[in-house]
C-alpha atoms as a PDB file:
ATOM      1  CA  MET A   1      -2.008  11.700  -5.314  1.00  0.00           C
ATOM      2  CA  SER A   2      -3.857  14.879  -4.519  1.00  0.00           C
ATOM      3  CA  LEU A   3      -4.922  16.251  -1.155  1.00  0.00           C
ATOM      4  CA  SER A   4      -8.460  14.950  -1.650  1.00  0.00           C
ATOM      5  CA  ASP A   5      -7.073  11.433  -2.146  1.00  0.00           C
ATOM      6  CA  ILE A   6      -5.405  11.522   1.256  1.00  0.00           C
ATOM      7  CA  PHE A   7      -8.688  12.027   3.080  1.00  0.00           C
ATOM      8  CA  ARG A   8     -10.864   9.835   0.884  1.00  0.00           C
ATOM      9  CA  THR A   9     -13.434   7.604   2.516  1.00  0.00           C
ATOM     10  CA  SER A  10     -14.060   3.982   1.697  1.00  0.00           C
ATOM     11  CA  ASN A  11     -17.157   5.101  -0.246  1.00  0.00           C
ATOM     12  CA  SER A  12     -15.009   6.975  -2.765  1.00  0.00           C
ATOM     13  CA  PRO A  13     -11.966   4.828  -3.548  1.00  0.00           C
ATOM     14  CA  ILE A  14      -9.491   5.845  -6.230  1.00  0.00           C
ATOM     15  CA  ASP A  15      -9.688   2.458  -7.938  1.00  0.00           C
ATOM     16  CA  PRO A  16     -12.648   0.283  -6.946  1.00  0.00           C
ATOM     17  CA  ASN A  17     -10.969  -2.787  -8.509  1.00  0.00           C
ATOM     18  CA  GLU A  18      -7.858  -2.383  -6.400  1.00  0.00           C
ATOM     19  CA  LYS A  19      -7.476  -5.615  -4.428  1.00  0.00           C
ATOM     20  CA  LEU A  20      -4.693  -6.988  -2.308  1.00  0.00           C
ATOM     21  CA  THR A  21      -2.336  -9.339  -4.098  1.00  0.00           C
ATOM     22  CA  GLU A  22      -1.184 -12.702  -2.745  1.00  0.00           C
ATOM     23  CA  LYS A  23       2.218 -11.207  -1.897  1.00  0.00           C
ATOM     24  CA  GLU A  24       0.525  -8.435   0.091  1.00  0.00           C
ATOM     25  CA  HIS A  25      -1.641 -10.974   1.939  1.00  0.00           C
ATOM     26  CA  ARG A  26       1.497 -12.933   2.886  1.00  0.00           C
ATOM     27  CA  ALA A  27       3.199  -9.776   4.181  1.00  0.00           C
ATOM     28  CA  LEU A  28       0.136  -8.913   6.284  1.00  0.00           C
ATOM     29  CA  GLU A  29      -0.001 -12.501   7.550  1.00  0.00           C
ATOM     30  CA  LYS A  30       3.648 -12.303   8.668  1.00  0.00           C
ATOM     31  CA  LEU A  31       2.972  -9.017  10.460  1.00  0.00           C
ATOM     32  CA  ALA A  32      -0.119 -10.463  12.143  1.00  0.00           C
ATOM     33  CA  ASN A  33       1.888 -13.529  13.240  1.00  0.00           C
ATOM     34  CA  LYS A  34       4.507 -11.310  14.875  1.00  0.00           C
ATOM     35  CA  VAL A  35       1.870  -9.228  16.661  1.00  0.00           C
ATOM     36  CA  VAL A  36       0.176 -12.348  18.057  1.00  0.00           C
ATOM     37  CA  GLU A  37       3.528 -13.955  18.912  1.00  0.00           C
ATOM     38  CA  TRP A  38       4.454 -10.887  20.982  1.00  0.00           C
ATOM     39  CA  LYS A  39       1.002 -11.053  22.645  1.00  0.00           C
ATOM     40  CA  MET A  40       0.162  -7.544  21.474  1.00  0.00           C
ATOM     41  CA  ALA A  41      -3.075  -8.351  19.649  1.00  0.00           C
ATOM     42  CA  VAL A  42      -5.406  -6.181  21.731  1.00  0.00           C
ATOM     43  CA  PRO A  43      -3.213  -3.030  21.710  1.00  0.00           C
ATOM     44  CA  ALA A  44      -2.505  -3.513  17.995  1.00  0.00           C
ATOM     45  CA  ILE A  45      -6.191  -3.854  17.122  1.00  0.00           C
ATOM     46  CA  LEU A  46      -7.056  -0.825  19.230  1.00  0.00           C
ATOM     47  CA  PHE A  47      -4.326   1.218  17.550  1.00  0.00           C
ATOM     48  CA  LEU A  48      -5.215   0.086  14.030  1.00  0.00           C
ATOM     49  CA  GLU A  49      -8.920   0.780  14.546  1.00  0.00           C
ATOM     50  CA  SER A  50      -8.140   4.294  15.767  1.00  0.00           C
ATOM     51  CA  VAL A  51      -5.839   5.165  12.846  1.00  0.00           C
ATOM     52  CA  LYS A  52      -7.850   3.611  10.006  1.00  0.00           C
ATOM     53  CA  PRO A  53      -8.593   6.961   8.355  1.00  0.00           C
ATOM     54  CA  LEU A  54      -4.888   7.818   8.365  1.00  0.00           C
ATOM     55  CA  ASN A  55      -3.521   4.687   6.696  1.00  0.00           C
ATOM     56  CA  TRP A  56      -2.230   6.548   3.647  1.00  0.00           C
ATOM     57  CA  ILE A  57      -0.393   9.066   5.823  1.00  0.00           C
ATOM     58  CA  GLY A  58       1.094   6.168   7.776  1.00  0.00           C
ATOM     59  CA  SER A  59       2.329   4.572   4.582  1.00  0.00           C
ATOM     60  CA  GLN A  60       4.009   7.832   3.628  1.00  0.00           C
ATOM     61  CA  ALA A  61       5.640   7.995   7.063  1.00  0.00           C
ATOM     62  CA  MET A  62       7.033   4.546   6.307  1.00  0.00           C
ATOM     63  CA  VAL A  63       8.566   5.982   3.118  1.00  0.00           C
ATOM     64  CA  PHE A  64      10.199   8.727   5.193  1.00  0.00           C
ATOM     65  CA  PHE A  65      11.639   6.278   7.755  1.00  0.00           C
ATOM     66  CA  GLU A  66      12.673   3.659   5.195  1.00  0.00           C
ATOM     67  CA  PRO A  67      16.407   4.567   5.177  1.00  0.00           C
ATOM     68  CA  PHE A  68      16.566   4.305   8.968  1.00  0.00           C
ATOM     69  CA  VAL A  69      14.736   0.985   9.021  1.00  0.00           C
ATOM     70  CA  HIS A  70      16.940  -0.536   6.336  1.00  0.00           C
ATOM     71  CA  ALA A  71      20.072   0.742   8.098  1.00  0.00           C
ATOM     72  CA  LEU A  72      19.075  -0.811  11.440  1.00  0.00           C
ATOM     73  CA  PHE A  73      17.058  -3.896  10.525  1.00  0.00           C
ATOM     74  CA  SER A  74      16.873  -6.540   7.858  1.00  0.00           C
ATOM     75  CA  PHE A  75      13.213  -6.286   6.909  1.00  0.00           C
ATOM     76  CA  PRO A  76      12.637  -7.493   3.327  1.00  0.00           C
ATOM     77  CA  ASP A  77       8.845  -7.020   3.327  1.00  0.00           C
ATOM     78  CA  PHE A  78       9.029  -3.350   4.312  1.00  0.00           C
ATOM     79  CA  ASP A  79       8.399  -2.082   0.764  1.00  0.00           C
ATOM     80  CA  ILE A  80       5.511  -4.488   0.236  1.00  0.00           C
ATOM     81  CA  LEU A  81       3.931  -3.429   3.533  1.00  0.00           C
ATOM     82  CA  GLN A  82       4.346   0.243   2.666  1.00  0.00           C
ATOM     83  CA  LYS A  83       2.594  -0.232  -0.683  1.00  0.00           C
ATOM     84  CA  THR A  84      -0.093  -2.357   0.941  1.00  0.00           C
ATOM     85  CA  LEU A  85      -0.919   0.260   3.556  1.00  0.00           C
ATOM     86  CA  GLU A  86      -1.717   2.754   0.808  1.00  0.00           C
ATOM     87  CA  LYS A  87      -4.799   0.681   0.055  1.00  0.00           C
ATOM     88  CA  ARG A  88      -7.861   1.466   2.138  1.00  0.00           C
ATOM     89  CA  GLU A  89      -8.881  -2.143   2.809  1.00  0.00           C
ATOM     90  CA  SER A  90      -5.460  -3.258   4.042  1.00  0.00           C
ATOM     91  CA  LEU A  91      -5.947  -2.246   7.683  1.00  0.00           C
ATOM     92  CA  GLU A  92      -9.242  -4.094   7.937  1.00  0.00           C
ATOM     93  CA  VAL A  93      -7.637  -7.205   6.443  1.00  0.00           C
ATOM     94  CA  LEU A  94      -4.737  -6.911   8.908  1.00  0.00           C
ATOM     95  CA  ILE A  95      -7.117  -6.526  11.859  1.00  0.00           C
ATOM     96  CA  GLN A  96      -9.088  -9.592  10.766  1.00  0.00           C
ATOM     97  CA  LYS A  97      -5.886 -11.643  10.420  1.00  0.00           C
ATOM     98  CA  ILE A  98      -4.720 -10.597  13.900  1.00  0.00           C
ATOM     99  CA  GLU A  99      -8.108 -11.464  15.402  1.00  0.00           C
ATOM    100  CA  ARG A 100      -8.195 -14.868  13.692  1.00  0.00           C
ATOM    101  CA  LEU A 101      -4.639 -15.791  14.724  1.00  0.00           C
ATOM    102  CA  ASP A 102      -5.210 -14.560  18.277  1.00  0.00           C
ATOM    103  CA  ALA A 103      -8.349 -16.694  18.561  1.00  0.00           C
ATOM    104  CA  GLU A 104      -6.433 -19.745  17.304  1.00  0.00           C
ATOM    105  CA  VAL A 105      -3.625 -19.195  19.827  1.00  0.00           C
ATOM    106  CA  TYR A 106      -6.175 -18.678  22.608  1.00  0.00           C
ATOM    107  CA  GLU A 107      -7.908 -21.969  21.785  1.00  0.00           C
ATOM    108  CA  LYS A 108      -4.587 -23.836  21.694  1.00  0.00           C
ATOM    109  CA  GLU A 109      -3.570 -22.396  25.077  1.00  0.00           C
ATOM    110  CA  LYS A 110      -6.972 -23.271  26.493  1.00  0.00           C
ATOM    111  CA  ALA A 111      -6.675 -26.877  25.262  1.00  0.00           C
ATOM    112  CA  GLN A 112      -3.151 -27.159  26.691  1.00  0.00           C
ATOM    113  CA  LYS A 113      -4.342 -25.826  30.030  1.00  0.00           C
ATOM    114  CA  ARG A 114      -7.181 -28.374  30.131  1.00  0.00           C
ATOM    115  CA  GLU A 115      -4.735 -31.165  29.303  1.00  0.00           C
ATOM    116  CA  ARG A 116      -2.307 -30.067  32.043  1.00  0.00           C
ATOM    117  CA  LYS A 117      -5.158 -29.849  34.519  1.00  0.00           C
ATOM    118  CA  LYS A 118      -6.365 -33.307  33.572  1.00  0.00           C
ATOM    119  CA  ASN A 119      -2.877 -34.791  34.001  1.00  0.00           C
ATOM    120  CA  ARG A 120      -2.104 -32.931  37.199  1.00  0.00           C
ATOM    121  CA  LYS A 121      -1.969 -34.860  40.421  1.00  0.00           C
ATOM    122  CA  GLY A 122      -3.002 -33.416  43.714  1.00  0.00           C
ATOM    123  CA  LEU A 123      -0.598 -32.161  46.355  1.00  0.00           C
ATOM    124  CA  PHE A 124      -1.103 -35.185  48.579  1.00  0.00           C
ATOM    125  CA  HIS A 125      -1.335 -37.857  45.890  1.00  0.00           C
ATOM    126  CA  ARG A 126       1.584 -39.774  47.401  1.00  0.00           C
ATOM    127  CA  PHE A 127      -0.107 -40.128  50.755  1.00  0.00           C
ATOM    128  CA  LYS A 128      -3.441 -41.384  49.540  1.00  0.00           C
ATOM    129  CA  LYS A 129      -3.976 -45.003  50.407  1.00  0.00           C
ATOM    130  CA  LYS A 130      -4.702 -47.319  47.591  1.00  0.00           C
ATOM    131  CA  LYS A 131      -7.874 -49.307  47.963  1.00  0.00           C
ATOM    132  CA  THR A 132      -7.229 -53.006  48.252  1.00  0.00           C
ATOM    133  CA  ASN A 133      -9.754 -55.768  48.189  1.00  0.00           C
ATOM    134  CA  ASN A 134      -8.901 -57.985  51.172  1.00  0.00           C
ATOM    135  CA  PRO A 135     -11.365 -60.834  51.833  1.00  0.00           C
END
């Protein structure tokens, strides 16, 4: 890859037919799940949007830190993620996956909160007199 390839824009891709594979989509989905699980969706989206033009440089930083990561963690999808981040569209796909998963989690939490509220009894529910029909 030449220096001009590093700073290419989405209008001038190296290979216009370069698409993400199913394995790459699964790796991005796992990463998005972890981000949403840790409740870091908003900071992650903000960070990813701000570093979109530098995704190739980030992937090369991952190559540099690979020995450290493999020495400290068991992360089997690291190589797949590194190769995926070399592709220009990968960050946008990751952002969309994070947004979709975060919206799903938000709706589930909202539904659970409504259900808890519906089932909740008041503070003085024990002291309320029951209405009886005495003739």
